[in-house]
Amino acid sequence: MRPRVPRPALAVTAAAALLITGSLATKDAAAASSSCDARTNNNTAKLLECVTLEGVREHQAAFQEIADDNNGTRVSGSPGYDESVD
């Protein structure tokens, strides 16, 4: 029987994969970034071309600021959640 991997560990692994992928970007990232704004990223390959470490960290900081402004939470049904959606 395989050991069950806790969900938080899966989330951390997925986030790390996105961060690593973003940090491996080359000088072509600037060109890709401008095209990312004008296209539909409807598959994994297209999406990963547009993910950058800087962009991920920007979103993390924004979500943390929202949580800080809402008693430390962004739980569904709360004002923090509504701000996150916006």
N, C-alpha and C. Protein backbone atom coordinates (compact mmCIF):
# COMPACT_ATOMS: atom_id res chain seq x y z
N MET A 1 0.84 -1.18 0.00
CA MET A 1 0.00 0.00 0.00
C MET A 1 0.89 1.25 0.00
N ARG A 2 0.59 2.17 -0.89
CA ARG A 2 1.39 3.41 -0.98
C ARG A 2 1.00 4.36 0.13
N PRO A 3 2.00 5.07 0.69
CA PRO A 3 1.67 6.06 1.71
C PRO A 3 0.91 7.23 1.08
N ARG A 4 -0.04 7.76 1.80
CA ARG A 4 -0.84 8.88 1.31
C ARG A 4 -0.07 10.17 1.53
N VAL A 5 0.03 11.00 0.48
CA VAL A 5 0.72 12.29 0.58
C VAL A 5 -0.29 13.32 1.05
N PRO A 6 -0.01 14.02 2.15
CA PRO A 6 -0.95 15.04 2.64
C PRO A 6 -1.18 16.13 1.59
N ARG A 7 -2.40 16.64 1.54
CA ARG A 7 -2.75 17.67 0.56
C ARG A 7 -1.85 18.91 0.64
N PRO A 8 -1.51 19.39 1.84
CA PRO A 8 -0.61 20.55 1.90
C PRO A 8 0.74 20.27 1.21
N ALA A 9 1.22 19.04 1.34
CA ALA A 9 2.49 18.70 0.70
C ALA A 9 2.35 18.76 -0.82
N LEU A 10 1.19 18.33 -1.32
CA LEU A 10 0.96 18.41 -2.77
C LEU A 10 0.91 19.86 -3.23
N ALA A 11 0.26 20.71 -2.44
CA ALA A 11 0.17 22.13 -2.80
C ALA A 11 1.54 22.78 -2.81
N VAL A 12 2.36 22.45 -1.81
CA VAL A 12 3.72 23.01 -1.74
C VAL A 12 4.54 22.53 -2.92
N THR A 13 4.40 21.25 -3.26
CA THR A 13 5.14 20.70 -4.41
C THR A 13 4.73 21.39 -5.70
N ALA A 14 3.42 21.60 -5.88
CA ALA A 14 2.94 22.27 -7.09
C ALA A 14 3.45 23.71 -7.15
N ALA A 15 3.39 24.41 -6.02
CA ALA A 15 3.88 25.79 -6.00
C ALA A 15 5.37 25.85 -6.30
N ALA A 16 6.13 24.91 -5.74
CA ALA A 16 7.57 24.87 -5.99
C ALA A 16 7.85 24.62 -7.47
N ALA A 17 7.07 23.74 -8.08
CA ALA A 17 7.26 23.46 -9.50
C ALA A 17 7.02 24.72 -10.33
N LEU A 18 5.98 25.48 -9.97
CA LEU A 18 5.71 26.72 -10.70
C LEU A 18 6.83 27.73 -10.49
N LEU A 19 7.33 27.82 -9.27
CA LEU A 19 8.41 28.76 -9.00
C LEU A 19 9.67 28.38 -9.74
N ILE A 20 10.00 27.09 -9.75
CA ILE A 20 11.19 26.63 -10.45
C ILE A 20 11.05 26.88 -11.95
N THR A 21 9.88 26.56 -12.48
CA THR A 21 9.65 26.77 -13.91
C THR A 21 9.81 28.24 -14.25
N GLY A 22 9.23 29.10 -13.40
CA GLY A 22 9.34 30.53 -13.65
C GLY A 22 10.76 31.03 -13.54
N SER A 23 11.54 30.46 -12.63
CA SER A 23 12.91 30.94 -12.45
C SER A 23 13.84 30.45 -13.55
N LEU A 24 13.40 29.48 -14.34
CA LEU A 24 14.23 28.98 -15.42
C LEU A 24 14.04 29.77 -16.72
N ALA A 25 13.24 30.81 -16.65
CA ALA A 25 12.97 31.61 -17.84
C ALA A 25 14.25 32.24 -18.37
N THR A 26 14.29 32.41 -19.69
CA THR A 26 15.45 33.00 -20.33
C THR A 26 15.13 34.41 -20.81
N LYS A 27 16.03 34.96 -21.64
CA LYS A 27 15.81 36.32 -22.16
C LYS A 27 14.56 36.39 -23.02
N ASP A 28 14.05 35.24 -23.48
CA ASP A 28 12.82 35.23 -24.27
C ASP A 28 11.59 35.51 -23.40
N ALA A 29 11.75 35.52 -22.08
CA ALA A 29 10.63 35.73 -21.18
C ALA A 29 9.97 37.08 -21.41
N ALA A 30 10.76 38.10 -21.70
CA ALA A 30 10.19 39.43 -21.93
C ALA A 30 9.29 39.42 -23.15
N ALA A 31 9.72 38.75 -24.21
CA ALA A 31 8.90 38.65 -25.41
C ALA A 31 7.65 37.82 -25.13
N ALA A 32 7.80 36.73 -24.40
CA ALA A 32 6.66 35.88 -24.07
C ALA A 32 5.67 36.64 -23.19
N SER A 33 6.20 37.44 -22.26
CA SER A 33 5.34 38.19 -21.37
C SER A 33 4.39 39.11 -22.13
N SER A 34 4.90 39.80 -23.13
CA SER A 34 4.03 40.70 -23.89
C SER A 34 2.98 39.92 -24.66
N SER A 35 3.31 38.74 -25.15
CA SER A 35 2.31 37.96 -25.87
C SER A 35 1.32 37.29 -24.93
N CYS A 36 1.71 37.08 -23.67
CA CYS A 36 0.83 36.44 -22.69
C CYS A 36 -0.40 37.30 -22.41
N ASP A 37 -0.24 38.61 -22.45
CA ASP A 37 -1.35 39.51 -22.18
C ASP A 37 -2.40 39.48 -23.29
N ALA A 38 -2.01 39.06 -24.48
CA ALA A 38 -2.90 39.15 -25.63
C ALA A 38 -3.39 37.79 -26.12
N ARG A 39 -3.20 36.73 -25.32
CA ARG A 39 -3.63 35.41 -25.78
C ARG A 39 -4.35 34.66 -24.66
N THR A 40 -5.02 33.60 -25.06
CA THR A 40 -5.67 32.72 -24.11
C THR A 40 -4.69 31.61 -23.75
N ASN A 41 -4.35 31.51 -22.48
CA ASN A 41 -3.44 30.47 -22.02
C ASN A 41 -4.27 29.25 -21.61
N ASN A 42 -4.73 28.50 -22.63
CA ASN A 42 -5.69 27.44 -22.40
C ASN A 42 -5.09 26.04 -22.32
N ASN A 43 -3.79 25.95 -22.14
CA ASN A 43 -3.18 24.65 -21.87
C ASN A 43 -1.94 24.87 -21.00
N THR A 44 -1.45 23.79 -20.44
CA THR A 44 -0.34 23.89 -19.49
C THR A 44 0.90 24.52 -20.09
N ALA A 45 1.25 24.11 -21.30
CA ALA A 45 2.47 24.64 -21.93
C ALA A 45 2.38 26.15 -22.11
N LYS A 46 1.25 26.63 -22.60
CA LYS A 46 1.08 28.08 -22.79
C LYS A 46 1.13 28.81 -21.45
N LEU A 47 0.46 28.24 -20.46
CA LEU A 47 0.44 28.88 -19.14
C LEU A 47 1.83 28.98 -18.55
N LEU A 48 2.59 27.88 -18.63
CA LEU A 48 3.93 27.88 -18.04
C LEU A 48 4.88 28.83 -18.75
N GLU A 49 4.63 29.13 -20.01
CA GLU A 49 5.46 30.13 -20.71
C GLU A 49 5.27 31.51 -20.09
N CYS A 50 4.12 31.71 -19.45
CA CYS A 50 3.79 33.04 -18.93
C CYS A 50 3.99 33.18 -17.43
N VAL A 51 4.26 32.09 -16.74
CA VAL A 51 4.46 32.14 -15.29
C VAL A 51 5.90 32.57 -15.01
N THR A 52 6.04 33.59 -14.17
CA THR A 52 7.37 34.03 -13.76
C THR A 52 7.44 34.06 -12.24
N LEU A 53 8.62 33.93 -11.72
CA LEU A 53 8.81 34.02 -10.28
C LEU A 53 8.31 35.37 -9.76
N GLU A 54 8.65 36.42 -10.47
CA GLU A 54 8.22 37.76 -10.07
C GLU A 54 6.69 37.85 -10.01
N GLY A 55 6.01 37.29 -11.00
CA GLY A 55 4.55 37.32 -11.02
C GLY A 55 3.93 36.52 -9.88
N VAL A 56 4.50 35.34 -9.61
CA VAL A 56 4.01 34.51 -8.51
C VAL A 56 4.17 35.24 -7.19
N ARG A 57 5.34 35.82 -6.96
CA ARG A 57 5.60 36.54 -5.70
C ARG A 57 4.68 37.76 -5.57
N GLU A 58 4.39 38.43 -6.68
CA GLU A 58 3.48 39.58 -6.66
C GLU A 58 2.09 39.15 -6.20
N HIS A 59 1.59 38.03 -6.72
CA HIS A 59 0.28 37.53 -6.32
C HIS A 59 0.30 37.09 -4.85
N GLN A 60 1.36 36.42 -4.43
CA GLN A 60 1.45 36.01 -3.03
C GLN A 60 1.39 37.22 -2.10
N ALA A 61 2.12 38.26 -2.44
CA ALA A 61 2.14 39.47 -1.61
C ALA A 61 0.75 40.12 -1.57
N ALA A 62 0.06 40.14 -2.71
CA ALA A 62 -1.27 40.73 -2.75
C ALA A 62 -2.25 39.93 -1.89
N PHE A 63 -2.19 38.59 -1.98
CA PHE A 63 -3.07 37.76 -1.17
C PHE A 63 -2.76 37.92 0.32
N GLN A 64 -1.49 38.04 0.67
CA GLN A 64 -1.12 38.21 2.07
C GLN A 64 -1.63 39.55 2.58
N GLU A 65 -1.51 40.59 1.77
CA GLU A 65 -2.01 41.91 2.18
C GLU A 65 -3.52 41.87 2.41
N ILE A 66 -4.24 41.17 1.54
CA ILE A 66 -5.68 41.04 1.72
C ILE A 66 -5.99 40.32 3.02
N ALA A 67 -5.28 39.22 3.29
CA ALA A 67 -5.49 38.49 4.55
C ALA A 67 -5.18 39.38 5.75
N ASP A 68 -4.06 40.10 5.68
CA ASP A 68 -3.68 40.99 6.79
C ASP A 68 -4.76 42.04 7.06
N ASP A 69 -5.40 42.53 6.01
CA ASP A 69 -6.44 43.54 6.15
C ASP A 69 -7.78 42.96 6.61
N ASN A 70 -7.88 41.62 6.66
CA ASN A 70 -9.15 40.97 7.00
C ASN A 70 -8.97 39.93 8.10
N ASN A 71 -8.36 40.37 9.19
CA ASN A 71 -8.17 39.51 10.37
C ASN A 71 -7.46 38.20 10.05
N GLY A 72 -6.55 38.25 9.09
CA GLY A 72 -5.72 37.08 8.78
C GLY A 72 -6.39 36.00 7.96
N THR A 73 -7.52 36.30 7.32
CA THR A 73 -8.22 35.24 6.59
C THR A 73 -8.73 35.70 5.23
N ARG A 74 -8.82 34.73 4.34
CA ARG A 74 -9.47 34.91 3.03
C ARG A 74 -10.44 33.75 2.81
N VAL A 75 -10.96 33.19 3.91
CA VAL A 75 -11.84 32.03 3.84
C VAL A 75 -13.11 32.35 3.05
N SER A 76 -13.63 31.34 2.36
CA SER A 76 -14.83 31.50 1.54
C SER A 76 -15.97 32.12 2.36
N GLY A 77 -16.64 33.10 1.75
CA GLY A 77 -17.75 33.77 2.41
C GLY A 77 -17.35 34.99 3.22
N SER A 78 -16.05 35.22 3.36
CA SER A 78 -15.58 36.36 4.14
C SER A 78 -15.26 37.54 3.23
N PRO A 79 -15.17 38.73 3.80
CA PRO A 79 -14.75 39.88 3.00
C PRO A 79 -13.37 39.68 2.38
N GLY A 80 -12.49 38.98 3.09
CA GLY A 80 -11.16 38.69 2.54
C GLY A 80 -11.22 37.85 1.28
N TYR A 81 -12.15 36.90 1.28
CA TYR A 81 -12.35 36.06 0.09
C TYR A 81 -12.84 36.93 -1.07
N ASP A 82 -13.84 37.76 -0.78
CA ASP A 82 -14.40 38.62 -1.84
C ASP A 82 -13.33 39.53 -2.43
N GLU A 83 -12.46 40.08 -1.57
CA GLU A 83 -11.36 40.91 -2.08
C GLU A 83 -10.39 40.10 -2.94
N SER A 84 -10.14 38.85 -2.52
CA SER A 84 -9.24 37.99 -3.31
C SER A 84 -9.81 37.72 -4.69
N VAL A 85 -11.11 37.52 -4.76
CA VAL A 85 -11.76 37.27 -6.05
C VAL A 85 -11.65 38.49 -6.95
N ASP A 86 -11.84 39.66 -6.34
CA ASP A 86 -11.73 40.89 -7.13
C ASP A 86 -10.32 41.10 -7.60
